[in-house]
Amino acid sequence: MLRKSTNSGRRSAVITGVLLIAGMVAGIFSVVPVIDGADYIVKAVTYENQVFIGAFFQLLMVVAYVGIPILMYPILSKHNKGLALGSVAFGIIAGVFIIIGVIILLLLLTLSREFAEIGTLDLSYFQTLGELLQAGRDLVNHVAMTLGFVLAMLLFNCIFYETKLVPRWLSVWGIIGSALSILASLLFMIRFIGLDAAYMMLNIPIAFQQLVLAIWLIGKGFKPTVRE
């Protein structure tokens, strides 16, 4: 029974590590430069394959963001059921907002198609609607979705710190990184900062912590001295 439990924990650790890396890779490929450009209304329809690829990889992020807390729940709930359940809830919330972000992305593509058909007759209308969709997409992707997943990871790292499932330096790094990422999203929400160097710097610590955590889980798993 102990061997079976240990093997199950090891398998969950490896899959979690793989999902963390997959989520980061999908996040990179979900970036759609043509939509973020100033002339997106004109160019989006021309580069619609870029939009579809970005939407596809953004949907793949749902697998990681929702899958990780669900996969980890049986293990983490044995140590702190409340925090484990909270991580699942925040993971699902993040997944829902990812889907909303994809919908807005496709709406921007539709707007570009309509503009290509009508032309510059109602340019101000398209610009206003496009700006609203862009602002909504930024708030969904960089505030709602990010907060959901980062809060899930924060609860993870709190359990990791409490139980020493992974080295405490790694969980402390995750807690601090999560706090900085939450700060970045809140500052962006109130327009104190934009998607600029300050925003990136505040998110770098949690990004590297997730990468190191993923490598640790794949290579070493959870500490064998901890009860599973």
C-alpha atoms as a PDB file:
ATOM      1  CA  MET A   1       0.000   0.000   0.000  1.00  0.00           C
ATOM      2  CA  LEU A   2       2.858   2.378   0.888  1.00  0.00           C
ATOM      3  CA  ARG A   3       4.622   1.590  -2.403  1.00  0.00           C
ATOM      4  CA  LYS A   4       1.380   2.223  -4.314  1.00  0.00           C
ATOM      5  CA  SER A   5       0.867   5.560  -2.534  1.00  0.00           C
ATOM      6  CA  THR A   6       4.477   6.563  -3.194  1.00  0.00           C
ATOM      7  CA  ASN A   7       4.228   5.668  -6.887  1.00  0.00           C
ATOM      8  CA  SER A   8       0.984   7.627  -7.186  1.00  0.00           C
ATOM      9  CA  GLY A   9       2.540  10.686  -5.545  1.00  0.00           C
ATOM     10  CA  ARG A  10       5.575  10.446  -7.803  1.00  0.00           C
ATOM     11  CA  ARG A  11       3.395  10.187 -10.895  1.00  0.00           C
ATOM     12  CA  SER A  12       1.307  13.189  -9.815  1.00  0.00           C
ATOM     13  CA  ALA A  13       4.462  15.231  -9.198  1.00  0.00           C
ATOM     14  CA  VAL A  14       5.832  14.465 -12.670  1.00  0.00           C
ATOM     15  CA  ILE A  15       2.531  15.234 -14.426  1.00  0.00           C
ATOM     16  CA  THR A  16       2.217  18.475 -12.450  1.00  0.00           C
ATOM     17  CA  GLY A  17       5.720  19.502 -13.491  1.00  0.00           C
ATOM     18  CA  VAL A  18       4.967  18.728 -17.127  1.00  0.00           C
ATOM     19  CA  LEU A  19       1.716  20.701 -16.964  1.00  0.00           C
ATOM     20  CA  LEU A  20       3.509  23.690 -15.426  1.00  0.00           C
ATOM     21  CA  ILE A  21       6.000  23.758 -18.287  1.00  0.00           C
ATOM     22  CA  ALA A  22       3.266  23.111 -20.865  1.00  0.00           C
ATOM     23  CA  GLY A  23       1.248  26.013 -19.464  1.00  0.00           C
ATOM     24  CA  MET A  24       4.236  28.357 -19.706  1.00  0.00           C
ATOM     25  CA  VAL A  25       5.000  27.285 -23.284  1.00  0.00           C
ATOM     26  CA  ALA A  26       1.345  27.626 -24.280  1.00  0.00           C
ATOM     27  CA  GLY A  27       1.295  31.081 -22.688  1.00  0.00           C
ATOM     28  CA  ILE A  28       4.245  32.177 -24.823  1.00  0.00           C
ATOM     29  CA  PHE A  29       2.657  30.921 -28.040  1.00  0.00           C
ATOM     30  CA  SER A  30      -0.726  32.425 -27.117  1.00  0.00           C
ATOM     31  CA  VAL A  31       0.672  35.921 -27.657  1.00  0.00           C
ATOM     32  CA  VAL A  32      -0.857  37.499 -30.781  1.00  0.00           C
ATOM     33  CA  PRO A  33       1.353  40.425 -31.918  1.00  0.00           C
ATOM     34  CA  VAL A  34      -1.043  41.545 -34.654  1.00  0.00           C
ATOM     35  CA  ILE A  35      -3.834  42.102 -32.099  1.00  0.00           C
ATOM     36  CA  ASP A  36      -1.533  44.043 -29.800  1.00  0.00           C
ATOM     37  CA  GLY A  37      -0.428  46.333 -32.636  1.00  0.00           C
ATOM     38  CA  ALA A  38      -1.872  49.775 -33.241  1.00  0.00           C
ATOM     39  CA  ASP A  39      -3.376  48.857 -36.629  1.00  0.00           C
ATOM     40  CA  TYR A  40      -4.965  45.572 -35.505  1.00  0.00           C
ATOM     41  CA  ILE A  41      -8.327  46.459 -37.053  1.00  0.00           C
ATOM     42  CA  VAL A  42      -6.763  46.487 -40.509  1.00  0.00           C
ATOM     43  CA  LYS A  43      -4.210  43.681 -40.126  1.00  0.00           C
ATOM     44  CA  ALA A  44      -5.982  41.072 -37.972  1.00  0.00           C
ATOM     45  CA  VAL A  45      -8.002  39.658 -40.858  1.00  0.00           C
ATOM     46  CA  THR A  46      -4.855  39.464 -42.999  1.00  0.00           C
ATOM     47  CA  TYR A  47      -3.022  37.498 -40.297  1.00  0.00           C
ATOM     48  CA  GLU A  48      -6.000  35.505 -39.075  1.00  0.00           C
ATOM     49  CA  ASN A  49      -3.896  32.313 -38.871  1.00  0.00           C
ATOM     50  CA  GLN A  50      -1.813  34.055 -36.214  1.00  0.00           C
ATOM     51  CA  VAL A  51      -5.000  34.818 -34.299  1.00  0.00           C
ATOM     52  CA  PHE A  52      -6.249  31.227 -34.549  1.00  0.00           C
ATOM     53  CA  ILE A  53      -2.885  29.846 -33.416  1.00  0.00           C
ATOM     54  CA  GLY A  54      -2.892  32.204 -30.433  1.00  0.00           C
ATOM     55  CA  ALA A  55      -6.454  31.198 -29.563  1.00  0.00           C
ATOM     56  CA  PHE A  56      -5.535  27.498 -29.799  1.00  0.00           C
ATOM     57  CA  PHE A  57      -2.578  27.804 -27.443  1.00  0.00           C
ATOM     58  CA  GLN A  58      -4.591  29.952 -25.058  1.00  0.00           C
ATOM     59  CA  LEU A  59      -7.182  27.180 -24.873  1.00  0.00           C
ATOM     60  CA  LEU A  60      -4.385  24.703 -24.113  1.00  0.00           C
ATOM     61  CA  MET A  61      -3.586  26.808 -21.059  1.00  0.00           C
ATOM     62  CA  VAL A  62      -6.950  25.731 -19.630  1.00  0.00           C
ATOM     63  CA  VAL A  63      -5.638  22.163 -19.398  1.00  0.00           C
ATOM     64  CA  ALA A  64      -2.703  23.299 -17.272  1.00  0.00           C
ATOM     65  CA  TYR A  65      -4.446  25.939 -15.168  1.00  0.00           C
ATOM     66  CA  VAL A  66      -7.385  23.707 -14.277  1.00  0.00           C
ATOM     67  CA  GLY A  67      -5.601  20.364 -14.427  1.00  0.00           C
ATOM     68  CA  ILE A  68      -2.799  21.182 -11.986  1.00  0.00           C
ATOM     69  CA  PRO A  69      -4.951  21.973  -8.899  1.00  0.00           C
ATOM     70  CA  ILE A  70      -7.338  19.098  -9.655  1.00  0.00           C
ATOM     71  CA  LEU A  71      -4.439  16.675 -10.049  1.00  0.00           C
ATOM     72  CA  MET A  72      -2.801  17.883  -6.845  1.00  0.00           C
ATOM     73  CA  TYR A  73      -5.971  17.945  -4.751  1.00  0.00           C
ATOM     74  CA  PRO A  74      -5.842  14.298  -3.538  1.00  0.00           C
ATOM     75  CA  ILE A  75      -2.302  14.859  -2.225  1.00  0.00           C
ATOM     76  CA  LEU A  76      -2.626  18.371  -0.843  1.00  0.00           C
ATOM     77  CA  SER A  77      -6.049  17.802   0.740  1.00  0.00           C
ATOM     78  CA  LYS A  78      -4.455  15.269   3.115  1.00  0.00           C
ATOM     79  CA  HIS A  79      -2.431  18.118   4.592  1.00  0.00           C
ATOM     80  CA  ASN A  80      -4.790  21.101   4.306  1.00  0.00           C
ATOM     81  CA  LYS A  81      -8.162  20.407   2.725  1.00  0.00           C
ATOM     82  CA  GLY A  82      -9.319  24.021   2.849  1.00  0.00           C
ATOM     83  CA  LEU A  83      -6.328  25.432   0.981  1.00  0.00           C
ATOM     84  CA  ALA A  84      -6.361  22.518  -1.482  1.00  0.00           C
ATOM     85  CA  LEU A  85     -10.037  23.120  -2.261  1.00  0.00           C
ATOM     86  CA  GLY A  86      -9.348  26.827  -2.636  1.00  0.00           C
ATOM     87  CA  SER A  87      -6.598  26.128  -5.178  1.00  0.00           C
ATOM     88  CA  VAL A  88      -9.037  24.037  -7.241  1.00  0.00           C
ATOM     89  CA  ALA A  89     -11.623  26.829  -7.131  1.00  0.00           C
ATOM     90  CA  PHE A  90      -9.115  29.480  -8.237  1.00  0.00           C
ATOM     91  CA  GLY A  91      -7.791  27.169 -10.955  1.00  0.00           C
ATOM     92  CA  ILE A  92     -11.292  26.701 -12.378  1.00  0.00           C
ATOM     93  CA  ILE A  93     -11.904  30.459 -12.207  1.00  0.00           C
ATOM     94  CA  ALA A  94      -8.669  31.040 -14.145  1.00  0.00           C
ATOM     95  CA  GLY A  95      -9.775  28.492 -16.750  1.00  0.00           C
ATOM     96  CA  VAL A  96     -13.124  30.244 -17.214  1.00  0.00           C
ATOM     97  CA  PHE A  97     -11.425  33.584 -17.784  1.00  0.00           C
ATOM     98  CA  ILE A  98      -9.021  32.021 -20.281  1.00  0.00           C
ATOM     99  CA  ILE A  99     -12.025  30.934 -22.339  1.00  0.00           C
ATOM    100  CA  ILE A 100     -13.519  34.430 -22.058  1.00  0.00           C
ATOM    101  CA  GLY A 101     -10.192  35.832 -23.285  1.00  0.00           C
ATOM    102  CA  VAL A 102     -10.298  33.533 -26.317  1.00  0.00           C
ATOM    103  CA  ILE A 103     -13.841  34.675 -27.109  1.00  0.00           C
ATOM    104  CA  ILE A 104     -12.766  38.329 -26.992  1.00  0.00           C
ATOM    105  CA  LEU A 105      -9.781  37.530 -29.222  1.00  0.00           C
ATOM    106  CA  LEU A 106     -12.064  35.965 -31.825  1.00  0.00           C
ATOM    107  CA  LEU A 107     -14.437  38.934 -31.551  1.00  0.00           C
ATOM    108  CA  LEU A 108     -11.530  41.229 -32.429  1.00  0.00           C
ATOM    109  CA  LEU A 109     -10.885  39.093 -35.501  1.00  0.00           C
ATOM    110  CA  THR A 110     -14.570  39.340 -36.439  1.00  0.00           C
ATOM    111  CA  LEU A 111     -14.386  43.116 -36.022  1.00  0.00           C
ATOM    112  CA  SER A 112     -11.413  43.222 -38.396  1.00  0.00           C
ATOM    113  CA  ARG A 113     -13.332  41.174 -40.970  1.00  0.00           C
ATOM    114  CA  GLU A 114     -16.303  43.523 -40.773  1.00  0.00           C
ATOM    115  CA  PHE A 115     -14.012  46.515 -41.191  1.00  0.00           C
ATOM    116  CA  ALA A 116     -12.416  44.927 -44.279  1.00  0.00           C
ATOM    117  CA  GLU A 117     -15.865  44.561 -45.848  1.00  0.00           C
ATOM    118  CA  ILE A 118     -17.234  48.008 -44.970  1.00  0.00           C
ATOM    119  CA  GLY A 119     -14.022  50.012 -45.262  1.00  0.00           C
ATOM    120  CA  THR A 120     -13.365  53.357 -43.598  1.00  0.00           C
ATOM    121  CA  LEU A 121     -16.969  54.533 -43.697  1.00  0.00           C
ATOM    122  CA  ASP A 122     -17.471  54.073 -39.953  1.00  0.00           C
ATOM    123  CA  LEU A 123     -13.860  54.125 -38.788  1.00  0.00           C
ATOM    124  CA  SER A 124     -14.592  55.810 -35.458  1.00  0.00           C
ATOM    125  CA  TYR A 125     -17.183  53.141 -34.629  1.00  0.00           C
ATOM    126  CA  PHE A 126     -14.720  50.309 -35.274  1.00  0.00           C
ATOM    127  CA  GLN A 127     -11.962  52.070 -33.342  1.00  0.00           C
ATOM    128  CA  THR A 128     -14.171  52.612 -30.300  1.00  0.00           C
ATOM    129  CA  LEU A 129     -15.478  49.066 -30.281  1.00  0.00           C
ATOM    130  CA  GLY A 130     -11.985  47.682 -30.868  1.00  0.00           C
ATOM    131  CA  GLU A 131     -10.536  49.683 -27.995  1.00  0.00           C
ATOM    132  CA  LEU A 132     -13.245  48.393 -25.669  1.00  0.00           C
ATOM    133  CA  LEU A 133     -12.554  44.800 -26.708  1.00  0.00           C
ATOM    134  CA  GLN A 134      -8.806  45.289 -26.326  1.00  0.00           C
ATOM    135  CA  ALA A 135      -9.241  46.797 -22.860  1.00  0.00           C
ATOM    136  CA  GLY A 136     -11.533  43.934 -21.866  1.00  0.00           C
ATOM    137  CA  ARG A 137      -9.059  41.370 -23.170  1.00  0.00           C
ATOM    138  CA  ASP A 138      -6.203  42.969 -21.222  1.00  0.00           C
ATOM    139  CA  LEU A 139      -8.240  42.973 -18.005  1.00  0.00           C
ATOM    140  CA  VAL A 140      -9.280  39.353 -18.518  1.00  0.00           C
ATOM    141  CA  ASN A 141      -5.796  38.082 -19.406  1.00  0.00           C
ATOM    142  CA  HIS A 142      -3.630  40.188 -17.118  1.00  0.00           C
ATOM    143  CA  VAL A 143      -5.928  40.669 -14.138  1.00  0.00           C
ATOM    144  CA  ALA A 144      -8.732  38.111 -13.792  1.00  0.00           C
ATOM    145  CA  MET A 145      -7.043  35.058 -15.314  1.00  0.00           C
ATOM    146  CA  THR A 146      -3.632  35.845 -13.834  1.00  0.00           C
ATOM    147  CA  LEU A 147      -5.038  36.459 -10.367  1.00  0.00           C
ATOM    148  CA  GLY A 148      -6.971  33.197 -10.480  1.00  0.00           C
ATOM    149  CA  PHE A 149      -3.960  31.049 -11.325  1.00  0.00           C
ATOM    150  CA  VAL A 150      -1.488  32.941  -9.132  1.00  0.00           C
ATOM    151  CA  LEU A 151      -3.810  32.638  -6.140  1.00  0.00           C
ATOM    152  CA  ALA A 152      -4.052  28.899  -6.810  1.00  0.00           C
ATOM    153  CA  MET A 153      -0.238  28.716  -6.859  1.00  0.00           C
ATOM    154  CA  LEU A 154      -0.035  30.832  -3.702  1.00  0.00           C
ATOM    155  CA  LEU A 155      -2.202  28.319  -1.848  1.00  0.00           C
ATOM    156  CA  PHE A 156      -0.047  25.508  -3.270  1.00  0.00           C
ATOM    157  CA  ASN A 157       3.103  27.096  -1.953  1.00  0.00           C
ATOM    158  CA  CYS A 158       1.548  27.735   1.457  1.00  0.00           C
ATOM    159  CA  ILE A 159       0.840  23.998   1.749  1.00  0.00           C
ATOM    160  CA  PHE A 160       4.317  23.189   0.416  1.00  0.00           C
ATOM    161  CA  TYR A 161       5.855  25.441   3.075  1.00  0.00           C
ATOM    162  CA  GLU A 162       3.764  23.906   5.832  1.00  0.00           C
ATOM    163  CA  THR A 163       4.444  20.291   4.859  1.00  0.00           C
ATOM    164  CA  LYS A 164       7.913  20.532   3.266  1.00  0.00           C
ATOM    165  CA  LEU A 165       6.689  18.539   0.259  1.00  0.00           C
ATOM    166  CA  VAL A 166       9.297  20.563  -1.621  1.00  0.00           C
ATOM    167  CA  PRO A 167      12.234  22.509  -0.119  1.00  0.00           C
ATOM    168  CA  ARG A 168      11.078  25.490   1.893  1.00  0.00           C
ATOM    169  CA  TRP A 169      13.286  27.911  -0.051  1.00  0.00           C
ATOM    170  CA  LEU A 170      11.315  26.972  -3.157  1.00  0.00           C
ATOM    171  CA  SER A 171       7.923  27.466  -1.496  1.00  0.00           C
ATOM    172  CA  VAL A 172       9.032  30.795   0.066  1.00  0.00           C
ATOM    173  CA  TRP A 173      10.172  31.910  -3.389  1.00  0.00           C
ATOM    174  CA  GLY A 174       6.728  30.954  -4.713  1.00  0.00           C
ATOM    175  CA  ILE A 175       4.890  32.861  -1.975  1.00  0.00           C
ATOM    176  CA  ILE A 176       6.931  36.017  -2.565  1.00  0.00           C
ATOM    177  CA  GLY A 177       6.657  35.657  -6.339  1.00  0.00           C
ATOM    178  CA  SER A 178       2.896  35.174  -6.111  1.00  0.00           C
ATOM    179  CA  ALA A 179       2.556  38.303  -3.975  1.00  0.00           C
ATOM    180  CA  LEU A 180       4.533  40.347  -6.514  1.00  0.00           C
ATOM    181  CA  SER A 181       2.453  38.986  -9.396  1.00  0.00           C
ATOM    182  CA  ILE A 182      -0.773  39.821  -7.564  1.00  0.00           C
ATOM    183  CA  LEU A 183       0.590  43.336  -6.984  1.00  0.00           C
ATOM    184  CA  ALA A 184       1.386  43.654 -10.706  1.00  0.00           C
ATOM    185  CA  SER A 185      -2.146  42.687 -11.698  1.00  0.00           C
ATOM    186  CA  LEU A 186      -3.730  45.077  -9.204  1.00  0.00           C
ATOM    187  CA  LEU A 187      -1.496  47.968 -10.300  1.00  0.00           C
ATOM    188  CA  PHE A 188      -2.349  47.211 -13.923  1.00  0.00           C
ATOM    189  CA  MET A 189      -6.054  47.088 -13.083  1.00  0.00           C
ATOM    190  CA  ILE A 190      -5.986  50.624 -11.637  1.00  0.00           C
ATOM    191  CA  ARG A 191      -3.807  51.782 -14.570  1.00  0.00           C
ATOM    192  CA  PHE A 192      -0.875  52.659 -12.313  1.00  0.00           C
ATOM    193  CA  ILE A 193       1.333  50.603 -14.633  1.00  0.00           C
ATOM    194  CA  GLY A 194       0.818  49.211 -18.121  1.00  0.00           C
ATOM    195  CA  LEU A 195       2.094  46.117 -19.886  1.00  0.00           C
ATOM    196  CA  ASP A 196       5.579  47.530 -19.540  1.00  0.00           C
ATOM    197  CA  ALA A 197       8.919  46.757 -17.922  1.00  0.00           C
ATOM    198  CA  ALA A 198       7.532  47.278 -14.406  1.00  0.00           C
ATOM    199  CA  TYR A 199       4.768  44.739 -15.027  1.00  0.00           C
ATOM    200  CA  MET A 200       7.251  42.234 -16.442  1.00  0.00           C
ATOM    201  CA  MET A 201       9.716  42.674 -13.578  1.00  0.00           C
ATOM    202  CA  LEU A 202       7.012  41.998 -10.997  1.00  0.00           C
ATOM    203  CA  ASN A 203       6.024  38.779 -12.792  1.00  0.00           C
ATOM    204  CA  ILE A 204       9.517  37.417 -13.453  1.00  0.00           C
ATOM    205  CA  PRO A 205      10.023  35.902  -9.946  1.00  0.00           C
ATOM    206  CA  ILE A 206       6.902  33.701 -10.090  1.00  0.00           C
ATOM    207  CA  ALA A 207       7.625  32.692 -13.693  1.00  0.00           C
ATOM    208  CA  PHE A 208      11.100  31.413 -12.800  1.00  0.00           C
ATOM    209  CA  GLN A 209       9.810  29.816  -9.594  1.00  0.00           C
ATOM    210  CA  GLN A 210       7.228  27.846 -11.566  1.00  0.00           C
ATOM    211  CA  LEU A 211       9.943  26.691 -13.960  1.00  0.00           C
ATOM    212  CA  VAL A 212      12.250  25.610 -11.130  1.00  0.00           C
ATOM    213  CA  LEU A 213       9.328  23.964  -9.298  1.00  0.00           C
ATOM    214  CA  ALA A 214       8.390  22.068 -12.465  1.00  0.00           C
ATOM    215  CA  ILE A 215      11.947  20.821 -12.938  1.00  0.00           C
ATOM    216  CA  TRP A 216      12.134  19.825  -9.264  1.00  0.00           C
ATOM    217  CA  LEU A 217       8.851  17.895  -9.402  1.00  0.00           C
ATOM    218  CA  ILE A 218       9.861  16.083 -12.582  1.00  0.00           C
ATOM    219  CA  GLY A 219      13.352  15.280 -11.343  1.00  0.00           C
ATOM    220  CA  LYS A 220      12.819  14.601  -7.637  1.00  0.00           C
ATOM    221  CA  GLY A 221       9.086  14.650  -6.894  1.00  0.00           C
ATOM    222  CA  PHE A 222       7.876  15.212  -3.370  1.00  0.00           C
ATOM    223  CA  LYS A 223      10.167  14.630  -0.406  1.00  0.00           C
ATOM    224  CA  PRO A 224       9.865  10.930   0.517  1.00  0.00           C
ATOM    225  CA  THR A 225      10.004  11.700   4.231  1.00  0.00           C
ATOM    226  CA  VAL A 226       6.626  13.458   4.081  1.00  0.00           C
ATOM    227  CA  ARG A 227       3.465  11.454   4.656  1.00  0.00           C
ATOM    228  CA  GLU A 228       1.307  11.145   1.524  1.00  0.00           C
END
